[in-house]
């Protein structure tokens, strides 16, 4: 397994080449459930000449609050904003580096 620290956050991306997966981990995982994967959009197929088209993948990222979000004060609002700002940084990092992550995992296919 390989860990990549995401700058300006307390988060990391952990990739597992054997399973061809990656997860988002860190202090936000206490309050947020992260989903991160490369979703296969289609299967390999042959063109009319018999050449193989590799499967197409797309990056899927999601962060769901583990509890119901309720903002009852400016303090609660500021804490929630801190979380969402950090999630934006994490997702931006992954989106900017998705091709490297995809290739590092050794997934055979084309990334959209």
PDB file of N, CA and C in Angstrom:
ATOM      1  N   UNK A   1       0.831  -1.181   0.000  1.00  0.00           N
ATOM      2  CA  UNK A   1       0.000   0.000   0.000  1.00  0.00           C
ATOM      3  C   UNK A   1       0.875   1.245   0.000  1.00  0.00           C
ATOM      4  N   UNK A   2       0.357   2.262  -0.624  1.00  0.00           N
ATOM      5  CA  UNK A   2       1.084   3.519  -0.739  1.00  0.00           C
ATOM      6  C   UNK A   2       0.201   4.652  -0.217  1.00  0.00           C
ATOM      7  N   UNK A   3       0.813   5.562   0.537  1.00  0.00           N
ATOM      8  CA  UNK A   3       0.085   6.715   1.066  1.00  0.00           C
ATOM      9  C   UNK A   3       0.594   7.993   0.424  1.00  0.00           C
ATOM     10  N   UNK A   4      -0.339   8.856   0.058  1.00  0.00           N
ATOM     11  CA  UNK A   4       0.002  10.172  -0.468  1.00  0.00           C
ATOM     12  C   UNK A   4      -0.647  11.201   0.448  1.00  0.00           C
ATOM     13  N   UNK A   5       0.172  12.051   1.081  1.00  0.00           N
ATOM     14  CA  UNK A   5      -0.360  13.117   1.925  1.00  0.00           C
ATOM     15  C   UNK A   5      -0.907  14.230   1.044  1.00  0.00           C
ATOM     16  N   UNK A   6      -2.072  14.708   1.405  1.00  0.00           N
ATOM     17  CA  UNK A   6      -2.690  15.810   0.678  1.00  0.00           C
ATOM     18  C   UNK A   6      -2.323  17.096   1.403  1.00  0.00           C
ATOM     19  N   UNK A   7      -1.585  17.957   0.736  1.00  0.00           N
ATOM     20  CA  UNK A   7      -1.079  19.172   1.374  1.00  0.00           C
ATOM     21  C   UNK A   7      -2.215  20.063   1.869  1.00  0.00           C
ATOM     22  N   UNK A   8      -1.938  20.773   2.960  1.00  0.00           N
ATOM     23  CA  UNK A   8      -2.871  21.696   3.603  1.00  0.00           C
ATOM     24  C   UNK A   8      -4.105  21.006   4.173  1.00  0.00           C
ATOM     25  N   UNK A   9      -4.028  19.695   4.352  1.00  0.00           N
ATOM     26  CA  UNK A   9      -5.119  18.948   4.983  1.00  0.00           C
ATOM     27  C   UNK A   9      -4.498  17.905   5.900  1.00  0.00           C
ATOM     28  N   UNK A  10      -5.310  17.312   6.738  1.00  0.00           N
ATOM     29  CA  UNK A  10      -4.857  16.199   7.558  1.00  0.00           C
ATOM     30  C   UNK A  10      -5.272  14.873   6.951  1.00  0.00           C
ATOM     31  N   UNK A  11      -5.358  14.836   5.626  1.00  0.00           N
ATOM     32  CA  UNK A  11      -5.896  13.674   4.932  1.00  0.00           C
ATOM     33  C   UNK A  11      -4.833  13.016   4.052  1.00  0.00           C
ATOM     34  N   UNK A  12      -5.056  11.732   3.747  1.00  0.00           N
ATOM     35  CA  UNK A  12      -4.175  10.979   2.861  1.00  0.00           C
ATOM     36  C   UNK A  12      -5.012  10.158   1.887  1.00  0.00           C
ATOM     37  N   UNK A  13      -4.393   9.829   0.763  1.00  0.00           N
ATOM     38  CA  UNK A  13      -4.956   8.867  -0.181  1.00  0.00           C
ATOM     39  C   UNK A  13      -4.126   7.604  -0.023  1.00  0.00           C
ATOM     40  N   UNK A  14      -4.793   6.492   0.273  1.00  0.00           N
ATOM     41  CA  UNK A  14      -4.112   5.207   0.432  1.00  0.00           C
ATOM     42  C   UNK A  14      -4.505   4.336  -0.755  1.00  0.00           C
ATOM     43  N   UNK A  15      -3.511   3.946  -1.544  1.00  0.00           N
ATOM     44  CA  UNK A  15      -3.791   3.114  -2.714  1.00  0.00           C
ATOM     45  C   UNK A  15      -3.304   1.695  -2.477  1.00  0.00           C
ATOM     46  N   UNK A  16      -4.085   0.744  -2.968  1.00  0.00           N
ATOM     47  CA  UNK A  16      -3.775  -0.676  -2.845  1.00  0.00           C
ATOM     48  C   UNK A  16      -3.700  -1.256  -4.257  1.00  0.00           C
ATOM     49  N   UNK A  17      -2.487  -1.471  -4.748  1.00  0.00           N
ATOM     50  CA  UNK A  17      -2.299  -1.974  -6.111  1.00  0.00           C
ATOM     51  C   UNK A  17      -2.874  -3.373  -6.285  1.00  0.00           C
ATOM     52  N   UNK A  18      -2.773  -4.198  -5.246  1.00  0.00           N
ATOM     53  CA  UNK A  18      -3.266  -5.568  -5.348  1.00  0.00           C
ATOM     54  C   UNK A  18      -4.780  -5.591  -5.576  1.00  0.00           C
ATOM     55  N   UNK A  19      -5.498  -4.710  -4.886  1.00  0.00           N
ATOM     56  CA  UNK A  19      -6.957  -4.654  -5.025  1.00  0.00           C
ATOM     57  C   UNK A  19      -7.407  -3.629  -6.069  1.00  0.00           C
ATOM     58  N   UNK A  20      -6.444  -2.843  -6.577  1.00  0.00           N
ATOM     59  CA  UNK A  20      -6.731  -1.787  -7.553  1.00  0.00           C
ATOM     60  C   UNK A  20      -7.768  -0.796  -7.017  1.00  0.00           C
ATOM     61  N   UNK A  21      -7.579  -0.401  -5.752  1.00  0.00           N
ATOM     62  CA  UNK A  21      -8.494   0.531  -5.100  1.00  0.00           C
ATOM     63  C   UNK A  21      -7.714   1.623  -4.388  1.00  0.00           C
ATOM     64  N   UNK A  22      -8.416   2.689  -4.043  1.00  0.00           N
ATOM     65  CA  UNK A  22      -7.827   3.730  -3.206  1.00  0.00           C
ATOM     66  C   UNK A  22      -8.893   4.271  -2.267  1.00  0.00           C
ATOM     67  N   UNK A  23      -8.455   4.689  -1.095  1.00  0.00           N
ATOM     68  CA  UNK A  23      -9.366   5.229  -0.089  1.00  0.00           C
ATOM     69  C   UNK A  23      -8.843   6.577   0.395  1.00  0.00           C
ATOM     70  N   UNK A  24      -9.766   7.368   0.910  1.00  0.00           N
ATOM     71  CA  UNK A  24      -9.447   8.656   1.510  1.00  0.00           C
ATOM     72  C   UNK A  24      -9.525   8.462   3.014  1.00  0.00           C
ATOM     73  N   UNK A  25      -8.464   8.829   3.731  1.00  0.00           N
ATOM     74  CA  UNK A  25      -8.433   8.617   5.179  1.00  0.00           C
ATOM     75  C   UNK A  25      -7.869   9.850   5.876  1.00  0.00           C
ATOM     76  N   UNK A  26      -8.201   9.960   7.150  1.00  0.00           N
ATOM     77  CA  UNK A  26      -7.697  11.060   7.962  1.00  0.00           C
ATOM     78  C   UNK A  26      -8.735  11.495   8.975  1.00  0.00           C
ATOM     79  N   UNK A  27      -8.494  12.636   9.580  1.00  0.00           N
ATOM     80  CA  UNK A  27      -9.337  13.081  10.689  1.00  0.00           C
ATOM     81  C   UNK A  27     -10.790  13.334  10.283  1.00  0.00           C
ATOM     82  N   UNK A  28     -11.065  13.687   9.049  1.00  0.00           N
ATOM     83  CA  UNK A  28     -12.448  13.910   8.621  1.00  0.00           C
ATOM     84  C   UNK A  28     -13.254  12.615   8.565  1.00  0.00           C
ATOM     85  N   UNK A  29     -12.571  11.483   8.527  1.00  0.00           N
ATOM     86  CA  UNK A  29     -13.249  10.182   8.466  1.00  0.00           C
ATOM     87  C   UNK A  29     -14.067   9.909   9.721  1.00  0.00           C
ATOM     88  N   UNK A  30     -13.810  10.650  10.793  1.00  0.00           N
ATOM     89  CA  UNK A  30     -14.616  10.505  12.011  1.00  0.00           C
ATOM     90  C   UNK A  30     -16.036  11.015  11.784  1.00  0.00           C
ATOM     91  N   UNK A  31     -16.181  12.042  10.938  1.00  0.00           N
ATOM     92  CA  UNK A  31     -17.483  12.676  10.716  1.00  0.00           C
ATOM     93  C   UNK A  31     -18.049  12.446   9.315  1.00  0.00           C
ATOM     94  N   UNK A  32     -17.202  12.005   8.405  1.00  0.00           N
ATOM     95  CA  UNK A  32     -17.613  11.850   7.011  1.00  0.00           C
ATOM     96  C   UNK A  32     -17.260  10.464   6.492  1.00  0.00           C
ATOM     97  N   UNK A  33     -18.149   9.908   5.693  1.00  0.00           N
ATOM     98  CA  UNK A  33     -17.894   8.626   5.033  1.00  0.00           C
ATOM     99  C   UNK A  33     -17.517   8.927   3.585  1.00  0.00           C
ATOM    100  N   UNK A  34     -16.319   8.511   3.210  1.00  0.00           N
ATOM    101  CA  UNK A  34     -15.810   8.801   1.869  1.00  0.00           C
ATOM    102  C   UNK A  34     -15.940   7.581   0.965  1.00  0.00           C
ATOM    103  N   UNK A  35     -16.358   7.831  -0.266  1.00  0.00           N
ATOM    104  CA  UNK A  35     -16.368   6.820  -1.315  1.00  0.00           C
ATOM    105  C   UNK A  35     -15.465   7.335  -2.428  1.00  0.00           C
ATOM    106  N   UNK A  36     -14.539   6.505  -2.845  1.00  0.00           N
ATOM    107  CA  UNK A  36     -13.620   6.890  -3.917  1.00  0.00           C
ATOM    108  C   UNK A  36     -13.320   5.655  -4.747  1.00  0.00           C
ATOM    109  N   UNK A  37     -13.558   5.770  -6.051  1.00  0.00           N
ATOM    110  CA  UNK A  37     -13.290   4.623  -6.919  1.00  0.00           C
ATOM    111  C   UNK A  37     -13.259   5.056  -8.371  1.00  0.00           C
ATOM    112  N   UNK A  38     -12.728   4.157  -9.178  1.00  0.00           N
ATOM    113  CA  UNK A  38     -12.806   4.307 -10.618  1.00  0.00           C
ATOM    114  C   UNK A  38     -13.891   3.344 -11.079  1.00  0.00           C
ATOM    115  N   UNK A  39     -14.996   3.887 -11.541  1.00  0.00           N
ATOM    116  CA  UNK A  39     -16.151   3.084 -11.947  1.00  0.00           C
ATOM    117  C   UNK A  39     -16.030   2.724 -13.422  1.00  0.00           C
ATOM    118  N   UNK A  40     -16.181   1.424 -13.698  1.00  0.00           N
ATOM    119  CA  UNK A  40     -16.121   0.943 -15.083  1.00  0.00           C
ATOM    120  C   UNK A  40     -17.440   1.281 -15.773  1.00  0.00           C
ATOM    121  N   UNK A  41     -17.350   2.003 -16.897  1.00  0.00           N
ATOM    122  CA  UNK A  41     -18.546   2.407 -17.635  1.00  0.00           C
ATOM    123  C   UNK A  41     -18.961   1.386 -18.681  1.00  0.00           C
ATOM    124  N   UNK A  42     -17.987   0.660 -19.229  1.00  0.00           N
ATOM    125  CA  UNK A  42     -18.315  -0.380 -20.202  1.00  0.00           C
ATOM    126  C   UNK A  42     -17.241  -1.458 -20.192  1.00  0.00           C
ATOM    127  N   UNK A  43     -17.551  -2.564 -20.822  1.00  0.00           N
ATOM    128  CA  UNK A  43     -16.644  -3.710 -20.882  1.00  0.00           C
ATOM    129  C   UNK A  43     -15.759  -3.606 -22.124  1.00  0.00           C
ATOM    130  N   UNK A  44     -14.645  -4.356 -22.134  1.00  0.00           N
ATOM    131  CA  UNK A  44     -13.829  -4.383 -23.359  1.00  0.00           C
ATOM    132  C   UNK A  44     -14.664  -4.906 -24.526  1.00  0.00           C
ATOM    133  N   UNK A  45     -14.402  -4.381 -25.714  1.00  0.00           N
ATOM    134  CA  UNK A  45     -15.146  -4.831 -26.890  1.00  0.00           C
ATOM    135  C   UNK A  45     -14.225  -4.789 -28.107  1.00  0.00           C
ATOM    136  N   UNK A  46     -14.689  -5.392 -29.174  1.00  0.00           N
ATOM    137  CA  UNK A  46     -13.921  -5.436 -30.422  1.00  0.00           C
ATOM    138  C   UNK A  46     -14.552  -4.499 -31.440  1.00  0.00           C
ATOM    139  N   UNK A  47     -13.699  -3.841 -32.232  1.00  0.00           N
ATOM    140  CA  UNK A  47     -14.241  -3.035 -33.326  1.00  0.00           C
ATOM    141  C   UNK A  47     -14.427  -3.929 -34.547  1.00  0.00           C
ATOM    142  N   UNK A  48     -14.831  -3.349 -35.656  1.00  0.00           N
ATOM    143  CA  UNK A  48     -15.114  -4.148 -36.859  1.00  0.00           C
ATOM    144  C   UNK A  48     -13.875  -4.808 -37.439  1.00  0.00           C
ATOM    145  N   UNK A  49     -12.676  -4.319 -37.096  1.00  0.00           N
ATOM    146  CA  UNK A  49     -11.424  -4.927 -37.559  1.00  0.00           C
ATOM    147  C   UNK A  49     -10.886  -5.960 -36.579  1.00  0.00           C
ATOM    148  N   UNK A  50     -11.577  -6.150 -35.479  1.00  0.00           N
ATOM    149  CA  UNK A  50     -11.127  -7.109 -34.477  1.00  0.00           C
ATOM    150  C   UNK A  50     -10.167  -6.531 -33.453  1.00  0.00           C
ATOM    151  N   UNK A  51      -9.944  -5.205 -33.500  1.00  0.00           N
ATOM    152  CA  UNK A  51      -9.078  -4.560 -32.509  1.00  0.00           C
ATOM    153  C   UNK A  51      -9.845  -4.378 -31.202  1.00  0.00           C
ATOM    154  N   UNK A  52      -9.125  -4.507 -30.109  1.00  0.00           N
ATOM    155  CA  UNK A  52      -9.749  -4.441 -28.789  1.00  0.00           C
ATOM    156  C   UNK A  52      -9.872  -3.000 -28.308  1.00  0.00           C
ATOM    157  N   UNK A  53     -11.084  -2.637 -27.889  1.00  0.00           N
ATOM    158  CA  UNK A  53     -11.303  -1.370 -27.190  1.00  0.00           C
ATOM    159  C   UNK A  53     -11.215  -1.660 -25.704  1.00  0.00           C
ATOM    160  N   UNK A  54     -10.370  -0.914 -25.003  1.00  0.00           N
ATOM    161  CA  UNK A  54     -10.245  -1.109 -23.558  1.00  0.00           C
ATOM    162  C   UNK A  54     -11.472  -0.533 -22.859  1.00  0.00           C
ATOM    163  N   UNK A  55     -11.799  -1.049 -21.662  1.00  0.00           N
ATOM    164  CA  UNK A  55     -12.946  -0.510 -20.928  1.00  0.00           C
ATOM    165  C   UNK A  55     -12.700   0.947 -20.526  1.00  0.00           C
ATOM    166  N   UNK A  56     -13.782   1.688 -20.394  1.00  0.00           N
ATOM    167  CA  UNK A  56     -13.715   3.101 -20.017  1.00  0.00           C
ATOM    168  C   UNK A  56     -14.098   3.231 -18.547  1.00  0.00           C
ATOM    169  N   UNK A  57     -13.332   4.041 -17.816  1.00  0.00           N
ATOM    170  CA  UNK A  57     -13.570   4.280 -16.390  1.00  0.00           C
ATOM    171  C   UNK A  57     -13.776   5.769 -16.147  1.00  0.00           C
ATOM    172  N   UNK A  58     -14.513   6.080 -15.073  1.00  0.00           N
ATOM    173  CA  UNK A  58     -14.622   7.460 -14.622  1.00  0.00           C
ATOM    174  C   UNK A  58     -14.374   7.508 -13.120  1.00  0.00           C
ATOM    175  N   UNK A  59     -13.862   8.628 -12.668  1.00  0.00           N
ATOM    176  CA  UNK A  59     -13.589   8.838 -11.251  1.00  0.00           C
ATOM    177  C   UNK A  59     -14.888   9.168 -10.533  1.00  0.00           C
ATOM    178  N   UNK A  60     -15.121   8.503  -9.412  1.00  0.00           N
ATOM    179  CA  UNK A  60     -16.286   8.793  -8.578  1.00  0.00           C
ATOM    180  C   UNK A  60     -15.807   9.134  -7.173  1.00  0.00           C
ATOM    181  N   UNK A  61     -16.229  10.291  -6.682  1.00  0.00           N
ATOM    182  CA  UNK A  61     -15.899  10.739  -5.334  1.00  0.00           C
ATOM    183  C   UNK A  61     -17.181  11.156  -4.632  1.00  0.00           C
ATOM    184  N   UNK A  62     -17.269  10.815  -3.341  1.00  0.00           N
ATOM    185  CA  UNK A  62     -18.436  11.216  -2.557  1.00  0.00           C
ATOM    186  C   UNK A  62     -18.038  11.337  -1.094  1.00  0.00           C
ATOM    187  N   UNK A  63     -18.608  12.322  -0.426  1.00  0.00           N
ATOM    188  CA  UNK A  63     -18.447  12.482   1.019  1.00  0.00           C
ATOM    189  C   UNK A  63     -19.842  12.640   1.610  1.00  0.00           C
ATOM    190  N   UNK A  64     -20.194  11.731   2.519  1.00  0.00           N
ATOM    191  CA  UNK A  64     -21.497  11.787   3.189  1.00  0.00           C
ATOM    192  C   UNK A  64     -21.283  11.961   4.681  1.00  0.00           C
ATOM    193  N   UNK A  65     -22.037  12.863   5.237  1.00  0.00           N
ATOM    194  CA  UNK A  65     -21.952  13.085   6.674  1.00  0.00           C
ATOM    195  C   UNK A  65     -22.432  11.838   7.410  1.00  0.00           C
ATOM    196  N   UNK A  66     -21.707  11.444   8.454  1.00  0.00           N
ATOM    197  CA  UNK A  66     -22.101  10.266   9.234  1.00  0.00           C
ATOM    198  C   UNK A  66     -23.282  10.576  10.144  1.00  0.00           C
ATOM    199  N   UNK A  67     -23.529  11.838  10.396  1.00  0.00           N
ATOM    200  CA  UNK A  67     -24.664  12.246  11.216  1.00  0.00           C
ATOM    201  C   UNK A  67     -25.472  13.283  10.479  1.00  0.00           C
ATOM    202  N   UNK A  68     -26.632  13.567  11.023  1.00  0.00           N
ATOM    203  CA  UNK A  68     -27.468  14.593  10.419  1.00  0.00           C
ATOM    204  C   UNK A  68     -26.806  15.951  10.633  1.00  0.00           C
ATOM    205  N   UNK A  69     -26.738  16.739   9.596  1.00  0.00           N
ATOM    206  CA  UNK A  69     -26.114  18.060   9.704  1.00  0.00           C
ATOM    207  C   UNK A  69     -27.142  19.036  10.248  1.00  0.00           C
ATOM    208  N   UNK A  70     -26.788  19.666  11.355  1.00  0.00           N
ATOM    209  CA  UNK A  70     -27.653  20.657  11.981  1.00  0.00           C
ATOM    210  C   UNK A  70     -26.773  21.814  12.435  1.00  0.00           C
ATOM    211  N   UNK A  71     -27.013  22.973  11.885  1.00  0.00           N
ATOM    212  CA  UNK A  71     -26.222  24.147  12.246  1.00  0.00           C
ATOM    213  C   UNK A  71     -27.071  25.018  13.161  1.00  0.00           C
ATOM    214  N   UNK A  72     -26.643  25.116  14.409  1.00  0.00           N
ATOM    215  CA  UNK A  72     -27.428  25.829  15.419  1.00  0.00           C
ATOM    216  C   UNK A  72     -26.753  27.094  15.920  1.00  0.00           C
ATOM    217  N   UNK A  73     -25.553  27.359  15.425  1.00  0.00           N
ATOM    218  CA  UNK A  73     -24.839  28.570  15.832  1.00  0.00           C
ATOM    219  C   UNK A  73     -23.791  28.900  14.778  1.00  0.00           C
ATOM    220  N   UNK A  74     -23.250  30.099  14.874  1.00  0.00           N
ATOM    221  CA  UNK A  74     -22.193  30.471  13.932  1.00  0.00           C
ATOM    222  C   UNK A  74     -20.982  29.564  14.117  1.00  0.00           C
ATOM    223  N   UNK A  75     -20.727  29.136  15.365  1.00  0.00           N
ATOM    224  CA  UNK A  75     -19.607  28.229  15.640  1.00  0.00           C
ATOM    225  C   UNK A  75     -19.799  26.911  14.891  1.00  0.00           C
ATOM    226  N   UNK A  76     -21.012  26.337  14.976  1.00  0.00           N
ATOM    227  CA  UNK A  76     -21.299  25.087  14.254  1.00  0.00           C
ATOM    228  C   UNK A  76     -21.155  25.300  12.748  1.00  0.00           C
ATOM    229  N   UNK A  77     -21.629  26.442  12.272  1.00  0.00           N
ATOM    230  CA  UNK A  77     -21.521  26.750  10.848  1.00  0.00           C
ATOM    231  C   UNK A  77     -20.081  26.852  10.394  1.00  0.00           C
ATOM    232  N   UNK A  78     -19.245  27.485  11.222  1.00  0.00           N
ATOM    233  CA  UNK A  78     -17.826  27.623  10.881  1.00  0.00           C
ATOM    234  C   UNK A  78     -17.134  26.265  10.855  1.00  0.00           C
ATOM    235  N   UNK A  79     -17.477  25.382  11.811  1.00  0.00           N
ATOM    236  CA  UNK A  79     -16.892  24.037  11.820  1.00  0.00           C
ATOM    237  C   UNK A  79     -17.301  23.254  10.577  1.00  0.00           C
ATOM    238  N   UNK A  80     -18.566  23.365  10.201  1.00  0.00           N
ATOM    239  CA  UNK A  80     -19.039  22.668   9.002  1.00  0.00           C
ATOM    240  C   UNK A  80     -18.338  23.229   7.762  1.00  0.00           C
ATOM    241  N   UNK A  81     -18.175  24.539   7.707  1.00  0.00           N
ATOM    242  CA  UNK A  81     -17.485  25.168   6.578  1.00  0.00           C
ATOM    243  C   UNK A  81     -16.036  24.706   6.504  1.00  0.00           C
ATOM    244  N   UNK A  82     -15.380  24.557   7.656  1.00  0.00           N
ATOM    245  CA  UNK A  82     -13.996  24.054   7.665  1.00  0.00           C
ATOM    246  C   UNK A  82     -13.937  22.667   7.036  1.00  0.00           C
ATOM    247  N   UNK A  83     -14.893  21.808   7.444  1.00  0.00           N
ATOM    248  CA  UNK A  83     -14.940  20.451   6.881  1.00  0.00           C
ATOM    249  C   UNK A  83     -15.137  20.495   5.370  1.00  0.00           C
ATOM    250  N   UNK A  84     -16.129  21.254   4.912  1.00  0.00           N
ATOM    251  CA  UNK A  84     -16.410  21.266   3.473  1.00  0.00           C
ATOM    252  C   UNK A  84     -15.260  21.894   2.686  1.00  0.00           C
ATOM    253  N   UNK A  85     -14.627  22.918   3.239  1.00  0.00           N
ATOM    254  CA  UNK A  85     -13.459  23.502   2.564  1.00  0.00           C
ATOM    255  C   UNK A  85     -12.337  22.474   2.425  1.00  0.00           C
ATOM    256  N   UNK A  86     -12.143  21.663   3.476  1.00  0.00           N
ATOM    257  CA  UNK A  86     -11.089  20.651   3.426  1.00  0.00           C
ATOM    258  C   UNK A  86     -11.456  19.527   2.458  1.00  0.00           C
ATOM    259  N   UNK A  87     -12.727  19.150   2.422  1.00  0.00           N
ATOM    260  CA  UNK A  87     -13.178  18.124   1.476  1.00  0.00           C
ATOM    261  C   UNK A  87     -12.964  18.614   0.042  1.00  0.00           C
ATOM    262  N   UNK A  88     -13.233  19.882  -0.207  1.00  0.00           N
ATOM    263  CA  UNK A  88     -12.998  20.459  -1.538  1.00  0.00           C
ATOM    264  C   UNK A  88     -11.522  20.347  -1.910  1.00  0.00           C
ATOM    265  N   UNK A  89     -10.627  20.628  -0.967  1.00  0.00           N
ATOM    266  CA  UNK A  89      -9.185  20.506  -1.227  1.00  0.00           C
ATOM    267  C   UNK A  89      -8.809  19.060  -1.548  1.00  0.00           C
ATOM    268  N   UNK A  90      -9.373  18.118  -0.779  1.00  0.00           N
ATOM    269  CA  UNK A  90      -9.091  16.693  -0.990  1.00  0.00           C
ATOM    270  C   UNK A  90      -9.578  16.262  -2.378  1.00  0.00           C
ATOM    271  N   UNK A  91     -10.829  16.592  -2.705  1.00  0.00           N
ATOM    272  CA  UNK A  91     -11.382  16.206  -4.002  1.00  0.00           C
ATOM    273  C   UNK A  91     -10.617  16.869  -5.148  1.00  0.00           C
ATOM    274  N   UNK A  92     -10.240  18.125  -4.991  1.00  0.00           N
ATOM    275  CA  UNK A  92      -9.473  18.823  -6.034  1.00  0.00           C
ATOM    276  C   UNK A  92      -8.129  18.145  -6.263  1.00  0.00           C
ATOM    277  N   UNK A  93      -7.464  17.762  -5.176  1.00  0.00           N
ATOM    278  CA  UNK A  93      -6.183  17.063  -5.289  1.00  0.00           C
ATOM    279  C   UNK A  93      -6.353  15.766  -6.072  1.00  0.00           C
ATOM    280  N   UNK A  94      -7.373  14.989  -5.719  1.00  0.00           N
ATOM    281  CA  UNK A  94      -7.597  13.704  -6.390  1.00  0.00           C
ATOM    282  C   UNK A  94      -7.964  13.927  -7.856  1.00  0.00           C
ATOM    283  N   UNK A  95      -8.830  14.899  -8.133  1.00  0.00           N
ATOM    284  CA  UNK A  95      -9.210  15.186  -9.520  1.00  0.00           C
ATOM    285  C   UNK A  95      -8.002  15.629 -10.344  1.00  0.00           C
ATOM    286  N   UNK A  96      -7.142  16.442  -9.748  1.00  0.00           N
ATOM    287  CA  UNK A  96      -5.943  16.901 -10.456  1.00  0.00           C
ATOM    288  C   UNK A  96      -4.935  15.776 -10.697  1.00  0.00           C
ATOM    289  N   UNK A  97      -4.972  14.744  -9.862  1.00  0.00           N
ATOM    290  CA  UNK A  97      -4.001  13.644  -9.947  1.00  0.00           C
ATOM    291  C   UNK A  97      -4.642  12.314 -10.321  1.00  0.00           C
ATOM    292  N   UNK A  98      -5.864  12.349 -10.845  1.00  0.00           N
ATOM    293  CA  UNK A  98      -6.591  11.099 -11.103  1.00  0.00           C
ATOM    294  C   UNK A  98      -5.866  10.185 -12.093  1.00  0.00           C
ATOM    295  N   UNK A  99      -5.255  10.754 -13.112  1.00  0.00           N
ATOM    296  CA  UNK A  99      -4.559   9.921 -14.100  1.00  0.00           C
ATOM    297  C   UNK A  99      -3.381   9.195 -13.455  1.00  0.00           C
ATOM    298  N   UNK A 100      -2.619   9.893 -12.620  1.00  0.00           N
ATOM    299  CA  UNK A 100      -1.491   9.261 -11.925  1.00  0.00           C
ATOM    300  C   UNK A 100      -1.972   8.160 -10.985  1.00  0.00           C
ATOM    301  N   UNK A 101      -3.045   8.419 -10.247  1.00  0.00           N
ATOM    302  CA  UNK A 101      -3.592   7.414  -9.328  1.00  0.00           C
ATOM    303  C   UNK A 101      -4.063   6.202 -10.125  1.00  0.00           C
ATOM    304  N   UNK A 102      -4.790   6.442 -11.217  1.00  0.00           N
ATOM    305  CA  UNK A 102      -5.312   5.379 -12.082  1.00  0.00           C
ATOM    306  C   UNK A 102      -4.183   4.504 -12.609  1.00  0.00           C
ATOM    307  N   UNK A 103      -3.143   5.137 -13.146  1.00  0.00           N
ATOM    308  CA  UNK A 103      -2.011   4.389 -13.704  1.00  0.00           C
ATOM    309  C   UNK A 103      -1.225   3.673 -12.617  1.00  0.00           C
ATOM    310  N   UNK A 104      -1.067   4.306 -11.459  1.00  0.00           N
ATOM    311  CA  UNK A 104      -0.339   3.701 -10.339  1.00  0.00           C
ATOM    312  C   UNK A 104      -1.036   2.433  -9.840  1.00  0.00           C
ATOM    313  N   UNK A 105      -2.361   2.409  -9.913  1.00  0.00           N
ATOM    314  CA  UNK A 105      -3.106   1.222  -9.490  1.00  0.00           C
ATOM    315  C   UNK A 105      -3.007   0.091 -10.511  1.00  0.00           C
ATOM    316  N   UNK A 106      -2.547   0.396 -11.716  1.00  0.00           N
ATOM    317  CA  UNK A 106      -2.391  -0.636 -12.739  1.00  0.00           C
ATOM    318  C   UNK A 106      -3.697  -1.083 -13.362  1.00  0.00           C
ATOM    319  N   UNK A 107      -4.684  -0.209 -13.370  1.00  0.00           N
ATOM    320  CA  UNK A 107      -5.974  -0.549 -13.969  1.00  0.00           C
ATOM    321  C   UNK A 107      -5.824  -0.492 -15.488  1.00  0.00           C
ATOM    322  N   UNK A 108      -6.276  -1.549 -16.164  1.00  0.00           N
ATOM    323  CA  UNK A 108      -6.222  -1.597 -17.625  1.00  0.00           C
ATOM    324  C   UNK A 108      -7.501  -0.987 -18.175  1.00  0.00           C
ATOM    325  N   UNK A 109      -7.357   0.102 -18.874  1.00  0.00           N
ATOM    326  CA  UNK A 109      -8.520   0.768 -19.438  1.00  0.00           C
ATOM    327  C   UNK A 109      -8.207   2.207 -19.757  1.00  0.00           C
ATOM    328  N   UNK A 110      -9.262   2.926 -20.118  1.00  0.00           N
ATOM    329  CA  UNK A 110      -9.162   4.329 -20.489  1.00  0.00           C
ATOM    330  C   UNK A 110      -9.919   5.141 -19.453  1.00  0.00           C
ATOM    331  N   UNK A 111      -9.297   6.211 -18.985  1.00  0.00           N
ATOM    332  CA  UNK A 111      -9.918   7.071 -17.981  1.00  0.00           C
ATOM    333  C   UNK A 111     -10.537   8.277 -18.658  1.00  0.00           C
ATOM    334  N   UNK A 112     -11.822   8.517 -18.383  1.00  0.00           N
ATOM    335  CA  UNK A 112     -12.493   9.709 -18.925  1.00  0.00           C
ATOM    336  C   UNK A 112     -12.168  10.906 -18.087  1.00  0.00           C
TER     337      UNK A 112
END
